[in-house]
Amino acid sequence: MNQAIQFPDREFWDSERQAVCFPAQVNGFNLTCAIAAETLRQRYGSGASDLELFRAHRWDIEEEAEALIAQQQEDDQGWVWLSFAK
């Protein structure tokens, strides 16, 4: 793992965006990452809440977010969204 990117355990459910959002600290700067509920359920099933699915698969999700951050895949608002494609 790149030591310059850290993921504090402060994920939260955003009902407006229908996504689990989680912070990333990149070289001291804060960035918000998100994965839509639909994406979580498509990948990991629907037998648990979206936050539980995120927490159960945190390492894989953070690894993917790290790759997107390294590729500078932020949207216009500076968010990194994990998509359907894995």
PDB file of N, CA and C in Angstrom:
ATOM      1  N   MET A   1       0.829  -1.185   0.000  1.00  0.00           N
ATOM      2  CA  MET A   1       0.000   0.000   0.000  1.00  0.00           C
ATOM      3  C   MET A   1       0.869   1.242   0.000  1.00  0.00           C
ATOM      4  N   ASN A   2       0.462   2.230  -0.744  1.00  0.00           N
ATOM      5  CA  ASN A   2       1.167   3.499  -0.796  1.00  0.00           C
ATOM      6  C   ASN A   2       0.991   4.210   0.545  1.00  0.00           C
ATOM      7  N   GLN A   3       2.072   4.507   1.221  1.00  0.00           N
ATOM      8  CA  GLN A   3       1.990   5.143   2.532  1.00  0.00           C
ATOM      9  C   GLN A   3       1.456   6.563   2.452  1.00  0.00           C
ATOM     10  N   ALA A   4       1.444   7.164   1.264  1.00  0.00           N
ATOM     11  CA  ALA A   4       0.950   8.522   1.108  1.00  0.00           C
ATOM     12  C   ALA A   4      -0.576   8.570   1.067  1.00  0.00           C
ATOM     13  N   ILE A   5      -1.251   7.425   0.923  1.00  0.00           N
ATOM     14  CA  ILE A   5      -2.708   7.369   0.894  1.00  0.00           C
ATOM     15  C   ILE A   5      -3.186   6.550   2.088  1.00  0.00           C
ATOM     16  N   GLN A   6      -4.006   7.176   2.918  1.00  0.00           N
ATOM     17  CA  GLN A   6      -4.552   6.493   4.088  1.00  0.00           C
ATOM     18  C   GLN A   6      -6.073   6.602   4.061  1.00  0.00           C
ATOM     19  N   PHE A   7      -6.733   5.583   4.601  1.00  0.00           N
ATOM     20  CA  PHE A   7      -8.184   5.529   4.649  1.00  0.00           C
ATOM     21  C   PHE A   7      -8.638   5.401   6.105  1.00  0.00           C
ATOM     22  N   PRO A   8      -8.967   6.525   6.744  1.00  0.00           N
ATOM     23  CA  PRO A   8      -9.479   6.446   8.123  1.00  0.00           C
ATOM     24  C   PRO A   8     -10.806   5.689   8.149  1.00  0.00           C
ATOM     25  N   ASP A   9     -11.086   5.026   9.241  1.00  0.00           N
ATOM     26  CA  ASP A   9     -12.342   4.274   9.391  1.00  0.00           C
ATOM     27  C   ASP A   9     -13.471   5.233   9.766  1.00  0.00           C
ATOM     28  N   ARG A  10     -13.884   6.052   8.798  1.00  0.00           N
ATOM     29  CA  ARG A  10     -14.955   7.021   9.045  1.00  0.00           C
ATOM     30  C   ARG A  10     -15.972   7.008   7.908  1.00  0.00           C
ATOM     31  N   GLU A  11     -16.313   5.817   7.451  1.00  0.00           N
ATOM     32  CA  GLU A  11     -17.292   5.696   6.379  1.00  0.00           C
ATOM     33  C   GLU A  11     -18.684   6.074   6.893  1.00  0.00           C
ATOM     34  N   PHE A  12     -19.527   6.535   5.978  1.00  0.00           N
ATOM     35  CA  PHE A  12     -20.892   6.904   6.356  1.00  0.00           C
ATOM     36  C   PHE A  12     -21.828   6.709   5.175  1.00  0.00           C
ATOM     37  N   TRP A  13     -23.104   6.554   5.491  1.00  0.00           N
ATOM     38  CA  TRP A  13     -24.133   6.394   4.474  1.00  0.00           C
ATOM     39  C   TRP A  13     -24.634   7.782   4.086  1.00  0.00           C
ATOM     40  N   ASP A  14     -24.640   8.075   2.791  1.00  0.00           N
ATOM     41  CA  ASP A  14     -25.159   9.337   2.267  1.00  0.00           C
ATOM     42  C   ASP A  14     -26.470   9.023   1.550  1.00  0.00           C
ATOM     43  N   SER A  15     -27.592   9.339   2.189  1.00  0.00           N
ATOM     44  CA  SER A  15     -28.894   8.979   1.620  1.00  0.00           C
ATOM     45  C   SER A  15     -29.207   9.775   0.358  1.00  0.00           C
ATOM     46  N   GLU A  16     -28.706  10.988   0.249  1.00  0.00           N
ATOM     47  CA  GLU A  16     -28.941  11.797  -0.948  1.00  0.00           C
ATOM     48  C   GLU A  16     -28.270  11.173  -2.168  1.00  0.00           C
ATOM     49  N   ARG A  17     -27.059  10.684  -1.992  1.00  0.00           N
ATOM     50  CA  ARG A  17     -26.308  10.078  -3.098  1.00  0.00           C
ATOM     51  C   ARG A  17     -26.536   8.575  -3.207  1.00  0.00           C
ATOM     52  N   GLN A  18     -27.212   7.988  -2.211  1.00  0.00           N
ATOM     53  CA  GLN A  18     -27.433   6.540  -2.161  1.00  0.00           C
ATOM     54  C   GLN A  18     -26.093   5.808  -2.302  1.00  0.00           C
ATOM     55  N   ALA A  19     -25.148   6.210  -1.450  1.00  0.00           N
ATOM     56  CA  ALA A  19     -23.789   5.676  -1.530  1.00  0.00           C
ATOM     57  C   ALA A  19     -23.145   5.638  -0.152  1.00  0.00           C
ATOM     58  N   VAL A  20     -22.178   4.739  -0.017  1.00  0.00           N
ATOM     59  CA  VAL A  20     -21.308   4.748   1.151  1.00  0.00           C
ATOM     60  C   VAL A  20     -20.127   5.634   0.778  1.00  0.00           C
ATOM     61  N   CYS A  21     -19.886   6.626   1.598  1.00  0.00           N
ATOM     62  CA  CYS A  21     -18.789   7.567   1.371  1.00  0.00           C
ATOM     63  C   CYS A  21     -17.714   7.313   2.417  1.00  0.00           C
ATOM     64  N   PHE A  22     -16.477   7.507   2.002  1.00  0.00           N
ATOM     65  CA  PHE A  22     -15.378   7.276   2.929  1.00  0.00           C
ATOM     66  C   PHE A  22     -14.220   8.197   2.589  1.00  0.00           C
ATOM     67  N   PRO A  23     -13.512   8.688   3.619  1.00  0.00           N
ATOM     68  CA  PRO A  23     -12.432   9.635   3.377  1.00  0.00           C
ATOM     69  C   PRO A  23     -11.131   8.944   2.994  1.00  0.00           C
ATOM     70  N   ALA A  24     -10.327   9.700   2.272  1.00  0.00           N
ATOM     71  CA  ALA A  24      -8.954   9.297   1.975  1.00  0.00           C
ATOM     72  C   ALA A  24      -8.075  10.496   2.293  1.00  0.00           C
ATOM     73  N   GLN A  25      -6.931  10.228   2.860  1.00  0.00           N
ATOM     74  CA  GLN A  25      -5.946  11.278   3.095  1.00  0.00           C
ATOM     75  C   GLN A  25      -4.788  11.012   2.138  1.00  0.00           C
ATOM     76  N   VAL A  26      -4.577  11.970   1.244  1.00  0.00           N
ATOM     77  CA  VAL A  26      -3.573  11.817   0.195  1.00  0.00           C
ATOM     78  C   VAL A  26      -2.523  12.890   0.394  1.00  0.00           C
ATOM     79  N   ASN A  27      -1.341  12.472   0.811  1.00  0.00           N
ATOM     80  CA  ASN A  27      -0.250  13.418   1.075  1.00  0.00           C
ATOM     81  C   ASN A  27      -0.701  14.584   1.946  1.00  0.00           C
ATOM     82  N   GLY A  28      -1.515  14.274   2.958  1.00  0.00           N
ATOM     83  CA  GLY A  28      -1.980  15.281   3.892  1.00  0.00           C
ATOM     84  C   GLY A  28      -3.262  15.991   3.483  1.00  0.00           C
ATOM     85  N   PHE A  29      -3.755  15.777   2.280  1.00  0.00           N
ATOM     86  CA  PHE A  29      -4.991  16.402   1.811  1.00  0.00           C
ATOM     87  C   PHE A  29      -6.149  15.426   1.937  1.00  0.00           C
ATOM     88  N   ASN A  30      -7.337  15.958   2.255  1.00  0.00           N
ATOM     89  CA  ASN A  30      -8.525  15.126   2.381  1.00  0.00           C
ATOM     90  C   ASN A  30      -9.251  15.022   1.051  1.00  0.00           C
ATOM     91  N   LEU A  31      -9.733  13.829   0.776  1.00  0.00           N
ATOM     92  CA  LEU A  31     -10.454  13.527  -0.450  1.00  0.00           C
ATOM     93  C   LEU A  31     -11.615  12.621  -0.055  1.00  0.00           C
ATOM     94  N   THR A  32     -12.731  12.735  -0.759  1.00  0.00           N
ATOM     95  CA  THR A  32     -13.865  11.870  -0.467  1.00  0.00           C
ATOM     96  C   THR A  32     -14.016  10.837  -1.565  1.00  0.00           C
ATOM     97  N   CYS A  33     -14.174   9.594  -1.160  1.00  0.00           N
ATOM     98  CA  CYS A  33     -14.425   8.486  -2.076  1.00  0.00           C
ATOM     99  C   CYS A  33     -15.838   7.979  -1.820  1.00  0.00           C
ATOM    100  N   ALA A  34     -16.434   7.367  -2.829  1.00  0.00           N
ATOM    101  CA  ALA A  34     -17.792   6.860  -2.664  1.00  0.00           C
ATOM    102  C   ALA A  34     -18.015   5.652  -3.556  1.00  0.00           C
ATOM    103  N   ILE A  35     -18.889   4.785  -3.075  1.00  0.00           N
ATOM    104  CA  ILE A  35     -19.333   3.640  -3.865  1.00  0.00           C
ATOM    105  C   ILE A  35     -20.851   3.557  -3.717  1.00  0.00           C
ATOM    106  N   ALA A  36     -21.543   3.566  -4.838  1.00  0.00           N
ATOM    107  CA  ALA A  36     -23.005   3.551  -4.835  1.00  0.00           C
ATOM    108  C   ALA A  36     -23.530   2.242  -4.261  1.00  0.00           C
ATOM    109  N   ALA A  37     -24.676   2.321  -3.604  1.00  0.00           N
ATOM    110  CA  ALA A  37     -25.313   1.134  -3.045  1.00  0.00           C
ATOM    111  C   ALA A  37     -25.546   0.093  -4.129  1.00  0.00           C
ATOM    112  N   GLU A  38     -25.957   0.534  -5.288  1.00  0.00           N
ATOM    113  CA  GLU A  38     -26.211  -0.390  -6.401  1.00  0.00           C
ATOM    114  C   GLU A  38     -24.941  -1.158  -6.785  1.00  0.00           C
ATOM    115  N   THR A  39     -23.819  -0.465  -6.780  1.00  0.00           N
ATOM    116  CA  THR A  39     -22.541  -1.109  -7.100  1.00  0.00           C
ATOM    117  C   THR A  39     -22.174  -2.130  -6.031  1.00  0.00           C
ATOM    118  N   LEU A  40     -22.325  -1.751  -4.763  1.00  0.00           N
ATOM    119  CA  LEU A  40     -22.045  -2.680  -3.659  1.00  0.00           C
ATOM    120  C   LEU A  40     -22.872  -3.950  -3.796  1.00  0.00           C
ATOM    121  N   ARG A  41     -24.158  -3.780  -4.034  1.00  0.00           N
ATOM    122  CA  ARG A  41     -25.055  -4.939  -4.121  1.00  0.00           C
ATOM    123  C   ARG A  41     -24.756  -5.799  -5.340  1.00  0.00           C
ATOM    124  N   GLN A  42     -24.408  -5.155  -6.449  1.00  0.00           N
ATOM    125  CA  GLN A  42     -24.074  -5.918  -7.657  1.00  0.00           C
ATOM    126  C   GLN A  42     -22.837  -6.783  -7.405  1.00  0.00           C
ATOM    127  N   ARG A  43     -21.879  -6.239  -6.735  1.00  0.00           N
ATOM    128  CA  ARG A  43     -20.620  -6.960  -6.500  1.00  0.00           C
ATOM    129  C   ARG A  43     -20.711  -7.988  -5.380  1.00  0.00           C
ATOM    130  N   TYR A  44     -21.372  -7.623  -4.284  1.00  0.00           N
ATOM    131  CA  TYR A  44     -21.264  -8.415  -3.068  1.00  0.00           C
ATOM    132  C   TYR A  44     -22.575  -8.998  -2.556  1.00  0.00           C
ATOM    133  N   GLY A  45     -23.665  -8.794  -3.263  1.00  0.00           N
ATOM    134  CA  GLY A  45     -24.946  -9.343  -2.837  1.00  0.00           C
ATOM    135  C   GLY A  45     -25.738  -8.340  -2.021  1.00  0.00           C
ATOM    136  N   SER A  46     -26.890  -8.767  -1.573  1.00  0.00           N
ATOM    137  CA  SER A  46     -27.763  -7.837  -0.852  1.00  0.00           C
ATOM    138  C   SER A  46     -28.224  -8.401   0.489  1.00  0.00           C
ATOM    139  N   GLY A  47     -27.465  -9.295   1.064  1.00  0.00           N
ATOM    140  CA  GLY A  47     -27.861  -9.922   2.317  1.00  0.00           C
ATOM    141  C   GLY A  47     -27.541  -9.123   3.557  1.00  0.00           C
ATOM    142  N   ALA A  48     -26.986  -7.925   3.390  1.00  0.00           N
ATOM    143  CA  ALA A  48     -26.605  -7.099   4.527  1.00  0.00           C
ATOM    144  C   ALA A  48     -26.856  -5.641   4.167  1.00  0.00           C
ATOM    145  N   SER A  49     -26.730  -4.761   5.142  1.00  0.00           N
ATOM    146  CA  SER A  49     -26.880  -3.334   4.852  1.00  0.00           C
ATOM    147  C   SER A  49     -25.689  -2.877   4.003  1.00  0.00           C
ATOM    148  N   ASP A  50     -25.850  -1.745   3.373  1.00  0.00           N
ATOM    149  CA  ASP A  50     -24.783  -1.242   2.514  1.00  0.00           C
ATOM    150  C   ASP A  50     -23.508  -0.945   3.307  1.00  0.00           C
ATOM    151  N   LEU A  51     -23.653  -0.406   4.506  1.00  0.00           N
ATOM    152  CA  LEU A  51     -22.467  -0.160   5.339  1.00  0.00           C
ATOM    153  C   LEU A  51     -21.801  -1.472   5.734  1.00  0.00           C
ATOM    154  N   GLU A  52     -22.606  -2.500   6.037  1.00  0.00           N
ATOM    155  CA  GLU A  52     -22.033  -3.806   6.387  1.00  0.00           C
ATOM    156  C   GLU A  52     -21.294  -4.411   5.193  1.00  0.00           C
ATOM    157  N   LEU A  53     -21.868  -4.276   4.000  1.00  0.00           N
ATOM    158  CA  LEU A  53     -21.186  -4.770   2.796  1.00  0.00           C
ATOM    159  C   LEU A  53     -19.861  -4.046   2.598  1.00  0.00           C
ATOM    160  N   PHE A  54     -19.877  -2.729   2.771  1.00  0.00           N
ATOM    161  CA  PHE A  54     -18.642  -1.959   2.646  1.00  0.00           C
ATOM    162  C   PHE A  54     -17.599  -2.452   3.644  1.00  0.00           C
ATOM    163  N   ARG A  55     -17.999  -2.586   4.892  1.00  0.00           N
ATOM    164  CA  ARG A  55     -17.046  -2.980   5.932  1.00  0.00           C
ATOM    165  C   ARG A  55     -16.505  -4.387   5.707  1.00  0.00           C
ATOM    166  N   ALA A  56     -17.339  -5.274   5.194  1.00  0.00           N
ATOM    167  CA  ALA A  56     -16.896  -6.651   4.940  1.00  0.00           C
ATOM    168  C   ALA A  56     -15.893  -6.716   3.786  1.00  0.00           C
ATOM    169  N   HIS A  57     -15.939  -5.746   2.897  1.00  0.00           N
ATOM    170  CA  HIS A  57     -15.074  -5.757   1.710  1.00  0.00           C
ATOM    171  C   HIS A  57     -14.185  -4.521   1.647  1.00  0.00           C
ATOM    172  N   ARG A  58     -13.965  -3.922   2.802  1.00  0.00           N
ATOM    173  CA  ARG A  58     -13.197  -2.675   2.903  1.00  0.00           C
ATOM    174  C   ARG A  58     -11.857  -2.739   2.183  1.00  0.00           C
ATOM    175  N   TRP A  59     -11.080  -3.795   2.395  1.00  0.00           N
ATOM    176  CA  TRP A  59      -9.728  -3.855   1.835  1.00  0.00           C
ATOM    177  C   TRP A  59      -9.758  -3.812   0.312  1.00  0.00           C
ATOM    178  N   ASP A  60     -10.670  -4.557  -0.297  1.00  0.00           N
ATOM    179  CA  ASP A  60     -10.779  -4.550  -1.764  1.00  0.00           C
ATOM    180  C   ASP A  60     -11.231  -3.192  -2.278  1.00  0.00           C
ATOM    181  N   ILE A  61     -12.192  -2.597  -1.599  1.00  0.00           N
ATOM    182  CA  ILE A  61     -12.716  -1.301  -2.015  1.00  0.00           C
ATOM    183  C   ILE A  61     -11.647  -0.220  -1.878  1.00  0.00           C
ATOM    184  N   GLU A  62     -10.923  -0.228  -0.765  1.00  0.00           N
ATOM    185  CA  GLU A  62      -9.862   0.763  -0.571  1.00  0.00           C
ATOM    186  C   GLU A  62      -8.730   0.573  -1.583  1.00  0.00           C
ATOM    187  N   GLU A  63      -8.437  -0.656  -1.918  1.00  0.00           N
ATOM    188  CA  GLU A  63      -7.398  -0.921  -2.919  1.00  0.00           C
ATOM    189  C   GLU A  63      -7.809  -0.342  -4.274  1.00  0.00           C
ATOM    190  N   GLU A  64      -9.057  -0.527  -4.636  1.00  0.00           N
ATOM    191  CA  GLU A  64      -9.559   0.032  -5.891  1.00  0.00           C
ATOM    192  C   GLU A  64      -9.547   1.560  -5.850  1.00  0.00           C
ATOM    193  N   ALA A  65      -9.975   2.131  -4.724  1.00  0.00           N
ATOM    194  CA  ALA A  65      -9.958   3.591  -4.569  1.00  0.00           C
ATOM    195  C   ALA A  65      -8.542   4.124  -4.679  1.00  0.00           C
ATOM    196  N   GLU A  66      -7.593   3.422  -4.089  1.00  0.00           N
ATOM    197  CA  GLU A  66      -6.190   3.840  -4.156  1.00  0.00           C
ATOM    198  C   GLU A  66      -5.713   3.899  -5.606  1.00  0.00           C
ATOM    199  N   ALA A  67      -6.083   2.904  -6.401  1.00  0.00           N
ATOM    200  CA  ALA A  67      -5.691   2.890  -7.817  1.00  0.00           C
ATOM    201  C   ALA A  67      -6.324   4.063  -8.566  1.00  0.00           C
ATOM    202  N   LEU A  68      -7.591   4.352  -8.285  1.00  0.00           N
ATOM    203  CA  LEU A  68      -8.261   5.476  -8.948  1.00  0.00           C
ATOM    204  C   LEU A  68      -7.645   6.810  -8.538  1.00  0.00           C
ATOM    205  N   ILE A  69      -7.279   6.939  -7.278  1.00  0.00           N
ATOM    206  CA  ILE A  69      -6.620   8.156  -6.798  1.00  0.00           C
ATOM    207  C   ILE A  69      -5.280   8.329  -7.515  1.00  0.00           C
ATOM    208  N   ALA A  70      -4.525   7.250  -7.631  1.00  0.00           N
ATOM    209  CA  ALA A  70      -3.229   7.310  -8.313  1.00  0.00           C
ATOM    210  C   ALA A  70      -3.385   7.712  -9.776  1.00  0.00           C
ATOM    211  N   GLN A  71      -4.525   7.351 -10.380  1.00  0.00           N
ATOM    212  CA  GLN A  71      -4.805   7.712 -11.775  1.00  0.00           C
ATOM    213  C   GLN A  71      -5.494   9.069 -11.892  1.00  0.00           C
ATOM    214  N   GLN A  72      -5.673   9.746 -10.763  1.00  0.00           N
ATOM    215  CA  GLN A  72      -6.312  11.061 -10.703  1.00  0.00           C
ATOM    216  C   GLN A  72      -7.703  11.042 -11.335  1.00  0.00           C
ATOM    217  N   GLN A  73      -8.529  10.102 -10.883  1.00  0.00           N
ATOM    218  CA  GLN A  73      -9.863   9.906 -11.431  1.00  0.00           C
ATOM    219  C   GLN A  73     -10.954  10.647 -10.642  1.00  0.00           C
ATOM    220  N   GLU A  74     -10.642  11.801 -10.080  1.00  0.00           N
ATOM    221  CA  GLU A  74     -11.632  12.577  -9.336  1.00  0.00           C
ATOM    222  C   GLU A  74     -12.640  13.197 -10.310  1.00  0.00           C
ATOM    223  N   ASP A  75     -13.884  13.345  -9.841  1.00  0.00           N
ATOM    224  CA  ASP A  75     -14.897  14.010 -10.668  1.00  0.00           C
ATOM    225  C   ASP A  75     -14.774  15.523 -10.506  1.00  0.00           C
ATOM    226  N   ASP A  76     -15.714  16.266 -11.054  1.00  0.00           N
ATOM    227  CA  ASP A  76     -15.670  17.733 -11.013  1.00  0.00           C
ATOM    228  C   ASP A  76     -15.732  18.299  -9.599  1.00  0.00           C
ATOM    229  N   GLN A  77     -16.311  17.538  -8.667  1.00  0.00           N
ATOM    230  CA  GLN A  77     -16.386  17.975  -7.279  1.00  0.00           C
ATOM    231  C   GLN A  77     -15.206  17.465  -6.449  1.00  0.00           C
ATOM    232  N   GLY A  78     -14.296  16.774  -7.070  1.00  0.00           N
ATOM    233  CA  GLY A  78     -13.138  16.255  -6.359  1.00  0.00           C
ATOM    234  C   GLY A  78     -13.375  14.937  -5.650  1.00  0.00           C
ATOM    235  N   TRP A  79     -14.452  14.242  -6.017  1.00  0.00           N
ATOM    236  CA  TRP A  79     -14.766  12.948  -5.423  1.00  0.00           C
ATOM    237  C   TRP A  79     -14.246  11.835  -6.309  1.00  0.00           C
ATOM    238  N   VAL A  80     -13.912  10.716  -5.680  1.00  0.00           N
ATOM    239  CA  VAL A  80     -13.532   9.500  -6.408  1.00  0.00           C
ATOM    240  C   VAL A  80     -14.675   8.503  -6.257  1.00  0.00           C
ATOM    241  N   TRP A  81     -15.289   8.154  -7.394  1.00  0.00           N
ATOM    242  CA  TRP A  81     -16.409   7.212  -7.395  1.00  0.00           C
ATOM    243  C   TRP A  81     -15.965   5.863  -7.919  1.00  0.00           C
ATOM    244  N   LEU A  82     -16.242   4.806  -7.166  1.00  0.00           N
ATOM    245  CA  LEU A  82     -15.993   3.447  -7.638  1.00  0.00           C
ATOM    246  C   LEU A  82     -17.191   3.037  -8.446  1.00  0.00           C
ATOM    247  N   SER A  83     -16.947   2.507  -9.634  1.00  0.00           N
ATOM    248  CA  SER A  83     -18.043   2.225 -10.563  1.00  0.00           C
ATOM    249  C   SER A  83     -18.342   0.733 -10.627  1.00  0.00           C
ATOM    250  N   PHE A  84     -19.255   0.375 -11.541  1.00  0.00           N
ATOM    251  CA  PHE A  84     -19.629  -1.026 -11.720  1.00  0.00           C
ATOM    252  C   PHE A  84     -18.446  -1.851 -12.186  1.00  0.00           C
ATOM    253  N   ALA A  85     -17.688  -1.323 -13.124  1.00  0.00           N
ATOM    254  CA  ALA A  85     -16.544  -2.082 -13.653  1.00  0.00           C
ATOM    255  C   ALA A  85     -15.528  -2.259 -12.544  1.00  0.00           C
ATOM    256  N   LYS A  86     -15.033  -3.463 -12.416  1.00  0.00           N
ATOM    257  CA  LYS A  86     -14.076  -3.735 -11.335  1.00  0.00           C
ATOM    258  C   LYS A  86     -12.728  -4.023 -11.902  1.00  0.00           C
TER     259      LYS A  86
END
